Amino acid sequence: MFKQKSLFYKMVVSIMLLLVPVVIVYTYSNIVSERVVREEIDTRNMNRLDVSMNRLEADLWQVSQFLVALSIDSDTNRLRNIDLLSPYDSIELQGDIQEKLLLYQQLSTFLVDVTIFFPDGERQLSTMMKSPERPETLSPSWTYIADGKGNDSDRPYFVQHVKDSITHHNENQAVIVEARIYIEAFQHHLNDLALANDGYSFLYHPHHELIKPVGTNHEFPLDYNFSLQLNNEERGTERFTLGQDDYTLSYISSTSLDWVLVDLVPLEDVLSPIATTRTWFYATGLVLLLLGVAAAWLLNTQLLQPIGTLKDAILHFKRGHYYTRMAVPDQKEFAIAMSGFNDMADQIQTLIEEVYEEKIRSQQATLKLLQAQIDPHFLYNCLFYIKNMAKINNTDAVEAMALHLGDYFRYRTEVEKEETTVEEELKLVNNFLAIHSLRKRDLSYSMNLPDELLKQPIPPLLIQPIVENAIVHGIADVEERAEIRIDGVVLEEGWQISVDDNGQAVSAETVTRIHKLLESQEEATNHYGLRNVHQRMRNRFGAKSGVVVNYSKLGGLNVTLLCKGDKADQKGE
């Protein structure tokens, strides 16, 4: 079926088939590239989170170790007996400890405040501007304080307490060391992490607000419930969609804070070069497809259609439509060919019309000659029959012969008549057979034709020569009763009229010879009437029509006038 399609259709399909593998390969490559980039983003984020978390844990551990070291320091232990010291020693001791606290505060990587609470619960040494109150509940690990209400601070912080090991059974007599790390320290830490990436970094706890970096322009998608993305594992990677944006979320838990460090990367920013490349590729592919279709359309209209028009015109001309002409296009390539075809068609049509007219004139002359011919022997026999009947005073036979002979010759001599009907032709045949039946008493004949066929227009002298041939060559030598039967039938594509006689049986060689004679173009001496009828049938009703010779059921010869084809149903032309 594909072979029957036009070249334009084939070219468009070919272009599509060429582009489809390219698009499939590129799409697969794009998907693989995007997957590799996503995996690389996950790996890079987790590595960066590991480094950041390790640094954060190291700083927290350093603060914790300082608290422990300070809790076991000899000067710190002396604070339990500070009331036993002299005022000078007491002030000197407190000054030494205060210097240690300030020195560590300056050396620490965190924004940290350290406070030492005396055993009496009223005095303390601190790096804070406002001395805090002694805690009622100690926090052995880092604990988040969301606000400063009742905690001597106006901003959130993480706190941890360490007491000296000597009096750990009695907290009221213990020296308590407290460290506060404010969220600004973590925000700056997160800010350093965010600056190394285009995403969002923050600390997450399900019961507290997010700790976000400062100094960034990112707007965090706070409406998203991040607790749905974080599972019980210490680290991992999740992907989710918020609105119309895709995100990759990497997280790692802090063992010291009980918080989770989260890195949120919008994939649109990272994958935008790939998306841009993909868009340009598909746009370019679409443009190439449209250009290919346009080129195929141009080739079809400028080349294939003119060739198709020329081919159709040639086929029409070949089928006999000699009036076929083509509109001459503006294209120089086809204007000369189509104009030449039109000139050639004009000349051929003129020649054909001239030959056809000459052939018609020749046929008409032949027909008129045939109509004008009177067989002297036939006329002599008829007149001799009238003379004999007159001698014996058989006036009825004389009258019948004279009437039939008059009607017969009146029809035969109407040379100007170019067309008649089957009914009129059968009247001539009836007169002809009646004349022979008067002369030959043992001759019987019958005619059986439908009314529809009787109105069929035909050229004159089609049936009579067939009947005459049956009498002269068929039943002339029959000693018993001679019989001629004329039958007709209407076909789906035409009609047929058969003439049967019970004359001598003919051989297969004779039937074959008659068929060859009917189709021969050479001048014939025998059966001239049959061939004349055959050619006139062909010229009048088409190539499928003509004379068909076969064996008769009556024993002699069957001659059929067959009318079949496009011109079979034409009336009165």
Protein backbone atom coordinates (compact mmCIF):
# COMPACT_ATOMS: atom_id res chain seq x y z
CA MET A 1 0.00 0.00 0.00
CA PHE A 2 2.93 2.33 0.70
CA LYS A 3 4.07 1.97 -2.92
CA GLN A 4 0.75 3.37 -4.10
CA LYS A 5 1.15 6.57 -2.09
CA SER A 6 2.29 9.81 -3.71
CA LEU A 7 5.91 10.90 -3.63
CA PHE A 8 4.97 13.84 -1.38
CA TYR A 9 3.52 11.41 1.18
CA LYS A 10 6.59 9.19 0.95
CA MET A 11 8.98 12.12 1.43
CA VAL A 12 7.11 13.40 4.49
CA VAL A 13 7.07 9.90 6.02
CA SER A 14 10.80 9.50 5.23
CA ILE A 15 11.60 12.80 6.94
CA MET A 16 9.59 11.71 9.96
CA LEU A 17 11.35 8.35 10.04
CA LEU A 18 14.72 10.12 9.90
CA LEU A 19 13.84 12.49 12.74
CA VAL A 20 12.20 9.91 15.02
CA PRO A 21 15.44 7.94 15.80
CA VAL A 22 17.32 11.19 16.38
CA VAL A 23 14.62 12.44 18.77
CA ILE A 24 14.49 9.08 20.56
CA VAL A 25 18.28 8.91 20.97
CA TYR A 26 18.48 12.53 22.11
CA THR A 27 15.58 12.11 24.53
CA TYR A 28 17.19 9.01 26.02
CA SER A 29 20.54 10.83 26.25
CA ASN A 30 18.83 13.81 27.86
CA ILE A 31 17.10 11.59 30.42
CA VAL A 32 20.37 9.83 31.24
CA SER A 33 22.21 13.15 31.51
CA GLU A 34 19.54 14.57 33.78
CA ARG A 35 19.63 11.46 35.96
CA VAL A 36 23.44 11.66 36.19
CA VAL A 37 23.24 15.35 37.10
CA ARG A 38 20.65 14.60 39.77
CA GLU A 39 22.83 11.85 41.22
CA GLU A 40 25.84 14.14 41.11
CA ILE A 41 23.84 16.84 42.91
CA ASP A 42 22.83 14.34 45.59
CA THR A 43 26.40 13.13 46.04
CA ARG A 44 27.81 16.65 46.12
CA ASN A 45 25.18 17.88 48.58
CA MET A 46 25.73 14.94 50.90
CA ASN A 47 29.51 15.46 50.81
CA ARG A 48 29.09 19.15 51.54
CA LEU A 49 26.65 18.41 54.35
CA ASP A 50 29.11 15.89 55.80
CA VAL A 51 31.89 18.45 55.83
CA SER A 52 29.63 21.16 57.27
CA MET A 53 28.18 18.83 59.91
CA ASN A 54 31.63 17.56 60.88
CA ARG A 55 32.83 21.13 61.33
CA LEU A 56 29.72 22.00 63.33
CA GLU A 57 30.12 18.91 65.52
CA ALA A 58 33.80 19.70 66.01
CA ASP A 59 33.02 23.25 67.14
CA LEU A 60 30.31 22.01 69.51
CA TRP A 61 32.66 19.36 70.88
CA GLN A 62 35.30 22.02 71.42
CA VAL A 63 32.87 24.12 73.46
CA SER A 64 31.80 21.06 75.44
CA GLN A 65 35.41 20.13 76.14
CA PHE A 66 36.14 23.64 77.30
CA LEU A 67 33.24 23.41 79.75
CA VAL A 68 34.54 20.13 81.09
CA ALA A 69 38.07 21.51 81.35
CA LEU A 70 36.75 24.59 83.09
CA SER A 71 34.70 22.48 85.50
CA ILE A 72 37.79 20.57 86.64
CA ASP A 73 40.09 23.59 86.63
CA SER A 74 41.79 24.24 89.98
CA ASP A 75 40.64 27.83 90.06
CA THR A 76 37.07 26.69 89.46
CA ASN A 77 37.36 24.20 92.34
CA ARG A 78 38.56 27.01 94.65
CA LEU A 79 35.28 28.79 94.07
CA ARG A 80 33.60 26.26 96.38
CA ASN A 81 35.63 27.72 99.26
CA ILE A 82 35.72 31.32 98.09
CA ASP A 83 34.22 32.50 101.34
CA LEU A 84 37.32 31.23 103.18
CA LEU A 85 39.61 33.37 101.06
CA SER A 86 40.66 36.85 101.85
CA PRO A 87 38.95 39.63 99.93
CA TYR A 88 42.08 40.20 97.88
CA ASP A 89 42.49 36.50 97.02
CA SER A 90 38.83 36.25 96.22
CA ILE A 91 38.97 39.19 93.83
CA GLU A 92 42.19 37.90 92.28
CA LEU A 93 40.66 34.43 91.81
CA GLN A 94 37.55 35.81 90.18
CA GLY A 95 39.69 38.02 87.93
CA ASP A 96 41.77 35.04 86.75
CA ILE A 97 38.67 33.03 85.94
CA GLN A 98 37.05 35.97 84.17
CA GLU A 99 40.14 36.37 81.99
CA LYS A 100 39.94 32.68 81.03
CA LEU A 101 36.28 33.08 80.04
CA LEU A 102 36.91 36.17 77.95
CA LEU A 103 39.93 34.60 76.33
CA TYR A 104 37.96 31.53 75.28
CA GLN A 105 35.09 33.67 74.06
CA GLN A 106 37.48 35.48 71.77
CA LEU A 107 39.13 32.28 70.55
CA SER A 108 35.91 30.32 69.97
CA THR A 109 34.54 29.97 66.46
CA PHE A 110 31.03 30.33 67.88
CA LEU A 111 29.29 33.32 69.31
CA VAL A 112 29.28 31.86 72.82
CA ASP A 113 28.72 33.15 76.33
CA VAL A 114 30.14 31.22 79.30
CA THR A 115 28.88 31.59 82.86
CA ILE A 116 30.13 30.00 86.10
CA PHE A 117 27.59 29.83 88.92
CA PHE A 118 28.96 29.83 92.47
CA PRO A 119 27.74 27.21 94.95
CA ASP A 120 25.91 29.86 97.01
CA GLY A 121 23.51 30.37 94.07
CA GLU A 122 23.79 34.15 94.24
CA ARG A 123 27.09 34.94 92.59
CA GLN A 124 28.38 34.09 89.09
CA LEU A 125 31.07 34.96 86.64
CA SER A 126 29.89 35.51 83.05
CA THR A 127 30.88 36.96 79.66
CA MET A 128 27.33 38.31 79.33
CA MET A 129 26.53 41.98 79.88
CA LYS A 130 23.66 41.00 82.13
CA SER A 131 24.38 38.24 84.58
CA PRO A 132 21.98 35.32 84.18
CA GLU A 133 20.15 33.56 86.93
CA ARG A 134 21.24 30.19 88.25
CA PRO A 135 19.40 27.48 86.24
CA GLU A 136 16.84 25.43 88.04
CA THR A 137 17.26 22.50 85.64
CA LEU A 138 20.58 21.53 84.19
CA SER A 139 21.05 20.56 80.51
CA PRO A 140 23.85 18.03 80.25
CA SER A 141 23.52 18.13 76.44
CA TRP A 142 22.83 20.99 74.09
CA THR A 143 19.24 22.15 74.54
CA TYR A 144 17.44 24.71 72.41
CA ILE A 145 15.79 27.64 74.16
CA ALA A 146 13.34 29.21 71.77
CA ASP A 147 13.01 32.61 73.51
CA GLY A 148 14.58 34.53 76.33
CA LYS A 149 11.60 34.77 78.59
CA GLY A 150 12.83 33.89 82.08
CA ASN A 151 16.22 32.95 80.63
CA ASP A 152 17.98 36.32 80.76
CA SER A 153 18.20 36.56 76.94
CA ASP A 154 16.23 38.25 74.19
CA ARG A 155 17.12 35.78 71.40
CA PRO A 156 17.08 31.98 71.01
CA TYR A 157 20.15 29.96 71.93
CA PHE A 158 21.49 26.50 72.68
CA VAL A 159 22.62 25.85 76.27
CA GLN A 160 24.69 23.16 78.02
CA HIS A 161 25.64 22.81 81.71
CA VAL A 162 28.59 21.05 83.35
CA LYS A 163 29.13 20.83 87.10
CA ASP A 164 32.25 19.87 88.93
CA SER A 165 32.64 16.17 89.53
CA ILE A 166 33.43 16.45 93.23
CA THR A 167 30.01 17.65 94.30
CA HIS A 168 27.92 16.08 91.64
CA HIS A 169 25.68 14.45 94.28
CA ASN A 170 24.69 17.81 95.70
CA GLU A 171 23.82 20.32 93.00
CA ASN A 172 23.24 23.11 95.51
CA GLN A 173 26.91 23.02 96.53
CA ALA A 174 28.28 22.44 93.02
CA VAL A 175 29.96 24.88 90.73
CA ILE A 176 27.95 24.94 87.50
CA VAL A 177 29.51 25.96 84.19
CA GLU A 178 27.05 27.10 81.50
CA ALA A 179 27.67 27.80 77.81
CA ARG A 180 25.22 29.55 75.53
CA ILE A 181 25.60 29.42 71.78
CA TYR A 182 23.26 31.84 70.06
CA ILE A 183 21.50 31.02 66.83
CA GLU A 184 23.46 33.77 65.06
CA ALA A 185 26.45 31.45 65.21
CA PHE A 186 24.51 28.71 63.46
CA GLN A 187 23.03 31.20 60.98
CA HIS A 188 26.50 32.32 59.97
CA HIS A 189 27.52 28.69 59.66
CA LEU A 190 24.49 28.04 57.44
CA ASN A 191 25.25 31.17 55.50
CA ASP A 192 28.69 29.82 54.60
CA LEU A 193 27.09 26.56 53.50
CA ALA A 194 24.44 28.33 51.38
CA LEU A 195 27.01 30.54 49.67
CA ALA A 196 28.71 27.40 48.32
CA ASN A 197 25.46 26.35 46.62
CA ASP A 198 22.42 27.86 44.90
CA GLY A 199 20.07 26.09 47.30
CA TYR A 200 18.71 26.68 50.80
CA SER A 201 20.43 25.41 53.94
CA PHE A 202 18.80 25.39 57.36
CA LEU A 203 18.53 23.50 60.64
CA TYR A 204 15.29 21.66 61.21
CA HIS A 205 13.52 20.40 64.30
CA PRO A 206 9.90 19.20 64.20
CA HIS A 207 8.96 21.21 67.32
CA HIS A 208 10.73 24.48 66.61
CA GLU A 209 10.99 27.04 63.88
CA LEU A 210 13.63 26.65 61.22
CA ILE A 211 17.04 28.14 61.82
CA LYS A 212 17.82 29.85 58.54
CA PRO A 213 20.94 31.53 57.27
CA VAL A 214 21.26 35.30 57.23
CA GLY A 215 22.51 37.49 54.44
CA THR A 216 20.85 35.52 51.61
CA ASN A 217 18.15 36.57 49.16
CA HIS A 218 16.47 33.21 49.00
CA GLU A 219 12.85 32.93 50.03
CA PHE A 220 12.36 29.61 51.75
CA PRO A 221 9.21 27.62 50.93
CA LEU A 222 8.04 27.70 54.53
CA ASP A 223 4.60 26.39 53.64
CA TYR A 224 6.03 22.96 52.98
CA ASN A 225 5.89 20.42 55.76
CA PHE A 226 9.46 19.14 55.79
CA SER A 227 8.68 16.58 58.47
CA LEU A 228 7.06 14.50 55.74
CA GLN A 229 10.35 14.23 53.91
CA LEU A 230 12.63 13.33 56.81
CA ASN A 231 12.54 9.72 57.93
CA ASN A 232 14.16 8.04 60.88
CA GLU A 233 17.48 7.62 59.14
CA GLU A 234 20.41 9.84 60.08
CA ARG A 235 20.98 10.94 56.52
CA GLY A 236 19.31 10.72 53.16
CA THR A 237 17.99 12.41 50.05
CA GLU A 238 14.42 13.12 49.07
CA ARG A 239 12.80 14.73 46.05
CA PHE A 240 9.51 16.59 46.06
CA THR A 241 7.50 19.15 44.13
CA LEU A 242 6.32 22.37 45.70
CA GLY A 243 3.98 24.34 43.48
CA GLN A 244 5.50 24.05 40.01
CA ASP A 245 9.11 23.69 41.18
CA ASP A 246 11.08 20.50 41.77
CA TYR A 247 13.46 20.27 44.73
CA THR A 248 16.15 17.90 45.97
CA LEU A 249 16.35 17.72 49.76
CA SER A 250 19.47 16.31 51.44
CA TYR A 251 19.70 16.00 55.22
CA ILE A 252 22.00 14.74 57.93
CA SER A 253 21.24 14.53 61.66
CA SER A 254 23.38 16.17 64.35
CA THR A 255 24.22 13.90 67.27
CA SER A 256 25.03 16.85 69.51
CA LEU A 257 22.04 19.10 68.85
CA ASP A 258 19.25 16.61 68.00
CA TRP A 259 18.54 18.82 65.00
CA VAL A 260 18.80 18.05 61.31
CA LEU A 261 20.95 19.97 58.86
CA VAL A 262 18.99 20.29 55.63
CA ASP A 263 20.09 21.42 52.18
CA LEU A 264 17.29 22.23 49.71
CA VAL A 265 18.30 22.67 46.07
CA PRO A 266 15.84 23.87 43.38
CA LEU A 267 16.49 21.63 40.39
CA GLU A 268 15.24 24.22 37.94
CA ASP A 269 18.33 26.38 38.52
CA VAL A 270 20.70 23.44 38.25
CA LEU A 271 19.03 21.72 35.31
CA SER A 272 18.20 24.91 33.40
CA PRO A 273 21.13 24.48 30.94
CA ILE A 274 19.91 20.97 30.09
CA ALA A 275 16.32 22.20 29.76
CA THR A 276 17.47 25.08 27.55
CA THR A 277 19.45 22.71 25.35
CA ARG A 278 16.49 20.36 25.14
CA THR A 279 14.15 23.21 24.18
CA TRP A 280 16.52 24.42 21.47
CA PHE A 281 16.91 20.90 20.12
CA TYR A 282 13.18 20.27 19.86
CA ALA A 283 12.62 23.73 18.39
CA THR A 284 15.35 23.11 15.83
CA GLY A 285 13.93 19.67 15.05
CA LEU A 286 10.47 21.16 14.56
CA VAL A 287 11.88 23.86 12.26
CA LEU A 288 13.76 21.22 10.26
CA LEU A 289 10.60 19.13 10.02
CA LEU A 290 8.59 22.11 8.78
CA LEU A 291 11.32 23.01 6.28
CA GLY A 292 11.39 19.39 5.07
CA VAL A 293 7.61 19.34 4.64
CA ALA A 294 7.77 22.68 2.84
CA ALA A 295 10.50 21.35 0.54
CA ALA A 296 8.46 18.22 -0.13
CA TRP A 297 5.37 20.33 -0.82
CA LEU A 298 7.36 22.55 -3.18
CA LEU A 299 8.74 19.51 -4.98
CA ASN A 300 5.25 18.05 -5.19
CA THR A 301 3.62 21.20 -6.59
CA GLN A 302 6.44 22.27 -8.87
CA LEU A 303 7.50 18.87 -10.21
CA LEU A 304 5.23 15.97 -9.34
CA GLN A 305 1.89 17.61 -10.08
CA PRO A 306 2.95 18.82 -13.55
CA ILE A 307 4.35 15.36 -14.30
CA GLY A 308 1.10 13.81 -13.03
CA THR A 309 -0.93 16.19 -15.19
CA LEU A 310 1.18 15.28 -18.21
CA LYS A 311 0.81 11.56 -17.45
CA ASP A 312 -2.97 11.81 -17.02
CA ALA A 313 -3.28 13.73 -20.27
CA ILE A 314 -1.29 11.06 -22.12
CA LEU A 315 -3.45 8.28 -20.63
CA HIS A 316 -6.66 10.12 -21.56
CA PHE A 317 -5.35 10.62 -25.06
CA LYS A 318 -4.41 6.94 -25.23
CA ARG A 319 -7.99 5.96 -24.29
CA GLY A 320 -9.32 7.93 -27.24
CA HIS A 321 -10.13 11.25 -25.60
CA TYR A 322 -8.50 13.25 -28.36
CA TYR A 323 -9.96 16.51 -27.09
CA THR A 324 -7.66 16.37 -24.04
CA ARG A 325 -5.60 19.54 -23.54
CA MET A 326 -3.46 20.87 -20.71
CA ALA A 327 -3.19 24.33 -19.19
CA VAL A 328 0.32 25.62 -19.87
CA PRO A 329 2.01 26.59 -16.55
CA ASP A 330 4.44 29.44 -15.99
CA GLN A 331 7.31 27.05 -15.31
CA LYS A 332 9.74 27.01 -18.19
CA GLU A 333 10.59 23.37 -17.52
CA PHE A 334 7.05 22.16 -18.31
CA ALA A 335 5.66 24.97 -20.44
CA ILE A 336 7.48 23.73 -23.55
CA ALA A 337 6.48 20.07 -22.96
CA MET A 338 2.81 20.82 -22.28
CA SER A 339 2.53 23.34 -25.10
CA GLY A 340 4.11 20.78 -27.43
CA PHE A 341 1.66 18.14 -26.23
CA ASN A 342 -1.28 20.44 -26.97
CA ASP A 343 0.05 21.15 -30.48
CA MET A 344 0.62 17.46 -31.09
CA ALA A 345 -2.89 16.63 -29.80
CA ASP A 346 -4.40 19.23 -32.12
CA GLN A 347 -2.63 17.73 -35.14
CA ILE A 348 -3.45 14.13 -34.19
CA GLN A 349 -7.10 15.00 -33.51
CA THR A 350 -7.34 16.74 -36.89
CA LEU A 351 -5.81 13.73 -38.66
CA ILE A 352 -8.05 11.27 -36.78
CA GLU A 353 -11.16 13.27 -37.57
CA GLU A 354 -10.22 13.43 -41.22
CA VAL A 355 -9.55 9.68 -41.35
CA TYR A 356 -12.75 8.95 -39.44
CA GLU A 357 -14.82 11.11 -41.74
CA GLU A 358 -13.26 9.43 -44.74
CA LYS A 359 -13.97 6.03 -43.26
CA ILE A 360 -17.59 7.01 -42.60
CA ARG A 361 -17.97 8.22 -46.15
CA SER A 362 -16.47 4.96 -47.40
CA GLN A 363 -18.81 2.89 -45.23
CA GLN A 364 -21.79 4.93 -46.31
CA ALA A 365 -20.85 4.46 -49.94
CA THR A 366 -20.44 0.74 -49.38
CA LEU A 367 -23.79 0.53 -47.61
CA LYS A 368 -25.56 2.48 -50.33
CA LEU A 369 -23.95 0.25 -52.93
CA LEU A 370 -25.09 -2.81 -51.00
CA GLN A 371 -28.60 -1.38 -50.71
CA ALA A 372 -28.72 -0.52 -54.39
CA GLN A 373 -27.57 -3.96 -55.47
CA ILE A 374 -30.33 -6.26 -56.77
CA ASP A 375 -29.48 -9.89 -57.37
CA PRO A 376 -30.60 -10.51 -61.01
CA HIS A 377 -30.99 -14.20 -60.36
CA PHE A 378 -33.20 -13.54 -57.32
CA LEU A 379 -35.33 -11.05 -59.34
CA TYR A 380 -35.53 -13.42 -62.32
CA ASN A 381 -36.74 -16.31 -60.09
CA CYS A 382 -39.39 -14.07 -58.49
CA LEU A 383 -40.69 -12.85 -61.90
CA PHE A 384 -40.64 -16.39 -63.28
CA TYR A 385 -42.70 -17.49 -60.24
CA ILE A 386 -45.24 -14.71 -60.92
CA LYS A 387 -45.50 -15.79 -64.61
CA ASN A 388 -46.12 -19.44 -63.69
CA MET A 389 -48.72 -18.53 -61.08
CA ALA A 390 -50.42 -16.25 -63.58
CA LYS A 391 -50.69 -19.15 -66.14
CA ILE A 392 -52.59 -21.22 -63.66
CA ASN A 393 -54.70 -18.28 -62.57
CA ASN A 394 -53.31 -18.38 -58.97
CA THR A 395 -53.92 -14.71 -58.40
CA ASP A 396 -53.43 -14.98 -54.63
CA ALA A 397 -49.85 -16.21 -55.05
CA VAL A 398 -49.19 -13.55 -57.69
CA GLU A 399 -50.54 -10.85 -55.41
CA ALA A 400 -48.57 -12.11 -52.38
CA MET A 401 -45.32 -12.36 -54.36
CA ALA A 402 -45.81 -8.90 -55.87
CA LEU A 403 -46.53 -7.29 -52.48
CA HIS A 404 -43.58 -8.92 -50.73
CA LEU A 405 -41.27 -8.20 -53.65
CA GLY A 406 -42.38 -4.55 -53.75
CA ASP A 407 -41.87 -3.99 -49.98
CA TYR A 408 -38.55 -5.77 -50.15
CA PHE A 409 -37.11 -3.70 -52.98
CA ARG A 410 -38.56 -0.46 -51.61
CA TYR A 411 -36.61 -0.99 -48.37
CA ARG A 412 -33.45 -2.10 -50.22
CA THR A 413 -33.42 0.98 -52.41
CA GLU A 414 -33.78 3.57 -49.62
CA VAL A 415 -30.10 4.49 -49.87
CA GLU A 416 -30.37 7.77 -47.94
CA LYS A 417 -31.56 6.11 -44.76
CA GLU A 418 -28.59 5.76 -42.34
CA GLU A 419 -30.38 4.17 -39.38
CA THR A 420 -33.42 2.02 -38.72
CA THR A 421 -34.79 -0.15 -35.92
CA VAL A 422 -34.75 -3.89 -35.30
CA GLU A 423 -38.50 -3.93 -35.95
CA GLU A 424 -38.11 -2.29 -39.39
CA GLU A 425 -35.25 -4.61 -40.26
CA LEU A 426 -37.35 -7.65 -39.32
CA LYS A 427 -40.09 -6.47 -41.70
CA LEU A 428 -37.54 -6.62 -44.50
CA VAL A 429 -36.43 -10.08 -43.32
CA ASN A 430 -40.05 -11.22 -43.14
CA ASN A 431 -40.67 -10.08 -46.75
CA PHE A 432 -37.46 -11.80 -47.83
CA LEU A 433 -38.39 -15.08 -46.11
CA ALA A 434 -41.99 -14.87 -47.34
CA ILE A 435 -40.75 -14.59 -50.93
CA HIS A 436 -38.55 -17.68 -50.46
CA SER A 437 -41.30 -19.60 -48.69
CA LEU A 438 -43.61 -18.96 -51.69
CA ARG A 439 -41.01 -20.35 -54.00
CA LYS A 440 -39.99 -23.14 -51.64
CA ARG A 441 -43.00 -24.60 -49.86
CA ASP A 442 -40.89 -26.70 -47.47
CA LEU A 443 -39.33 -23.57 -45.82
CA SER A 444 -40.53 -22.53 -42.36
CA TYR A 445 -39.27 -19.66 -40.25
CA SER A 446 -39.96 -18.04 -36.84
CA MET A 447 -39.04 -14.76 -35.10
CA ASN A 448 -38.91 -14.47 -31.32
CA LEU A 449 -37.65 -11.10 -30.07
CA PRO A 450 -38.73 -9.04 -27.00
CA ASP A 451 -40.51 -5.72 -27.49
CA GLU A 452 -37.65 -3.85 -25.79
CA LEU A 453 -35.24 -5.11 -28.43
CA LEU A 454 -37.56 -4.22 -31.32
CA LYS A 455 -37.12 -0.51 -30.54
CA GLN A 456 -33.31 -0.74 -30.60
CA PRO A 457 -31.81 1.54 -33.31
CA ILE A 458 -29.38 -0.20 -35.68
CA PRO A 459 -27.79 0.50 -39.06
CA PRO A 460 -29.87 -0.89 -41.96
CA LEU A 461 -29.17 -4.26 -43.57
CA LEU A 462 -27.65 -5.98 -40.53
CA ILE A 463 -30.00 -8.95 -40.17
CA GLN A 464 -31.08 -9.51 -43.80
CA PRO A 465 -27.55 -10.39 -45.06
CA ILE A 466 -27.26 -12.98 -42.25
CA VAL A 467 -30.62 -14.53 -43.24
CA GLU A 468 -29.67 -14.46 -46.90
CA ASN A 469 -26.40 -16.20 -46.07
CA ALA A 470 -28.34 -18.90 -44.21
CA ILE A 471 -30.59 -19.49 -47.24
CA VAL A 472 -27.83 -19.45 -49.86
CA HIS A 473 -25.16 -21.39 -47.94
CA GLY A 474 -27.19 -23.22 -45.31
CA ILE A 475 -30.52 -24.64 -46.42
CA ALA A 476 -30.10 -24.48 -50.21
CA ASP A 477 -29.35 -28.19 -50.44
CA VAL A 478 -31.67 -29.40 -47.66
CA GLU A 479 -34.01 -32.02 -49.12
CA GLU A 480 -36.33 -32.21 -46.13
CA ARG A 481 -38.17 -29.29 -44.57
CA ALA A 482 -35.87 -26.29 -44.14
CA GLU A 483 -36.06 -24.18 -41.00
CA ILE A 484 -34.73 -20.74 -40.05
CA ARG A 485 -35.19 -19.34 -36.56
CA ILE A 486 -34.45 -15.76 -35.43
CA ASP A 487 -34.17 -15.14 -31.66
CA GLY A 488 -33.24 -12.06 -29.66
CA VAL A 489 -32.41 -11.32 -26.03
CA VAL A 490 -31.50 -8.20 -24.05
CA LEU A 491 -28.25 -8.44 -22.06
CA GLU A 492 -27.02 -6.45 -19.07
CA GLU A 493 -24.57 -4.54 -21.27
CA GLY A 494 -26.34 -4.77 -24.64
CA TRP A 495 -28.28 -7.27 -26.74
CA GLN A 496 -27.87 -10.12 -29.21
CA ILE A 497 -29.81 -11.48 -32.22
CA SER A 498 -29.15 -15.05 -33.40
CA VAL A 499 -30.00 -16.64 -36.77
CA ASP A 500 -30.06 -20.47 -36.75
CA ASP A 501 -30.64 -22.85 -39.69
CA ASN A 502 -30.91 -26.61 -39.99
CA GLY A 503 -28.61 -26.81 -42.95
CA GLN A 504 -25.64 -29.10 -43.31
CA ALA A 505 -23.40 -29.40 -40.28
CA VAL A 506 -20.21 -27.35 -40.51
CA SER A 507 -16.79 -28.47 -39.34
CA ALA A 508 -14.63 -26.87 -36.68
CA GLU A 509 -12.17 -25.83 -39.40
CA THR A 510 -14.97 -23.98 -41.21
CA VAL A 511 -15.98 -22.09 -38.04
CA THR A 512 -12.34 -21.14 -37.39
CA ARG A 513 -11.87 -20.03 -40.99
CA ILE A 514 -14.98 -17.82 -40.83
CA HIS A 515 -13.74 -16.21 -37.60
CA LYS A 516 -10.35 -15.42 -39.17
CA LEU A 517 -12.11 -14.04 -42.23
CA LEU A 518 -14.22 -11.70 -40.08
CA GLU A 519 -11.11 -10.24 -38.40
CA SER A 520 -8.98 -10.13 -41.58
CA GLN A 521 -8.21 -6.80 -43.23
CA GLU A 522 -7.64 -8.32 -46.67
CA GLU A 523 -10.19 -8.10 -49.47
CA ALA A 524 -12.58 -11.08 -49.26
CA THR A 525 -14.41 -12.87 -52.05
CA ASN A 526 -16.47 -15.25 -49.89
CA HIS A 527 -18.71 -14.29 -47.02
CA TYR A 528 -18.37 -10.63 -47.89
CA GLY A 529 -21.80 -9.90 -46.40
CA LEU A 530 -20.84 -11.41 -43.01
CA ARG A 531 -17.62 -9.45 -42.76
CA ASN A 532 -19.37 -6.24 -43.83
CA VAL A 533 -21.94 -6.71 -41.05
CA HIS A 534 -19.16 -7.52 -38.53
CA GLN A 535 -17.20 -4.34 -39.33
CA ARG A 536 -20.32 -2.17 -39.24
CA MET A 537 -21.25 -3.60 -35.83
CA ARG A 538 -17.75 -2.80 -34.56
CA ASN A 539 -17.85 0.75 -35.88
CA ARG A 540 -21.35 1.43 -34.56
CA PHE A 541 -21.34 -0.29 -31.15
CA GLY A 542 -17.68 -0.68 -30.16
CA ALA A 543 -14.85 -3.19 -30.20
CA LYS A 544 -16.71 -5.75 -28.05
CA SER A 545 -19.50 -6.01 -30.61
CA GLY A 546 -19.64 -7.91 -33.89
CA VAL A 547 -20.60 -11.22 -35.54
CA VAL A 548 -20.06 -14.51 -33.68
CA VAL A 549 -20.27 -17.83 -35.54
CA ASN A 550 -20.95 -21.14 -33.82
CA TYR A 551 -22.78 -24.46 -34.17
CA SER A 552 -26.56 -24.33 -34.25
CA LYS A 553 -28.84 -26.49 -32.13
CA LEU A 554 -30.89 -27.02 -35.31
CA GLY A 555 -27.91 -28.78 -36.88
CA GLY A 556 -26.56 -26.07 -39.16
CA LEU A 557 -24.84 -22.77 -38.43
CA ASN A 558 -25.58 -20.20 -35.72
CA VAL A 559 -24.72 -16.58 -36.58
CA THR A 560 -25.14 -14.09 -33.72
CA LEU A 561 -25.12 -10.31 -33.85
CA LEU A 562 -23.62 -9.34 -30.47
CA CYS A 563 -23.90 -5.74 -29.24
CA LYS A 564 -21.92 -5.20 -26.05
CA GLY A 565 -20.11 -2.16 -24.62
CA ASP A 566 -20.41 1.56 -23.82
CA LYS A 567 -22.41 2.33 -26.98
CA ALA A 568 -24.83 -0.57 -26.61
CA ASP A 569 -27.55 1.45 -24.84
CA GLN A 570 -27.40 4.59 -26.97
CA LYS A 571 -30.74 5.38 -28.56
CA GLY A 572 -31.36 7.16 -31.78
CA GLU A 573 -27.84 8.48 -32.32
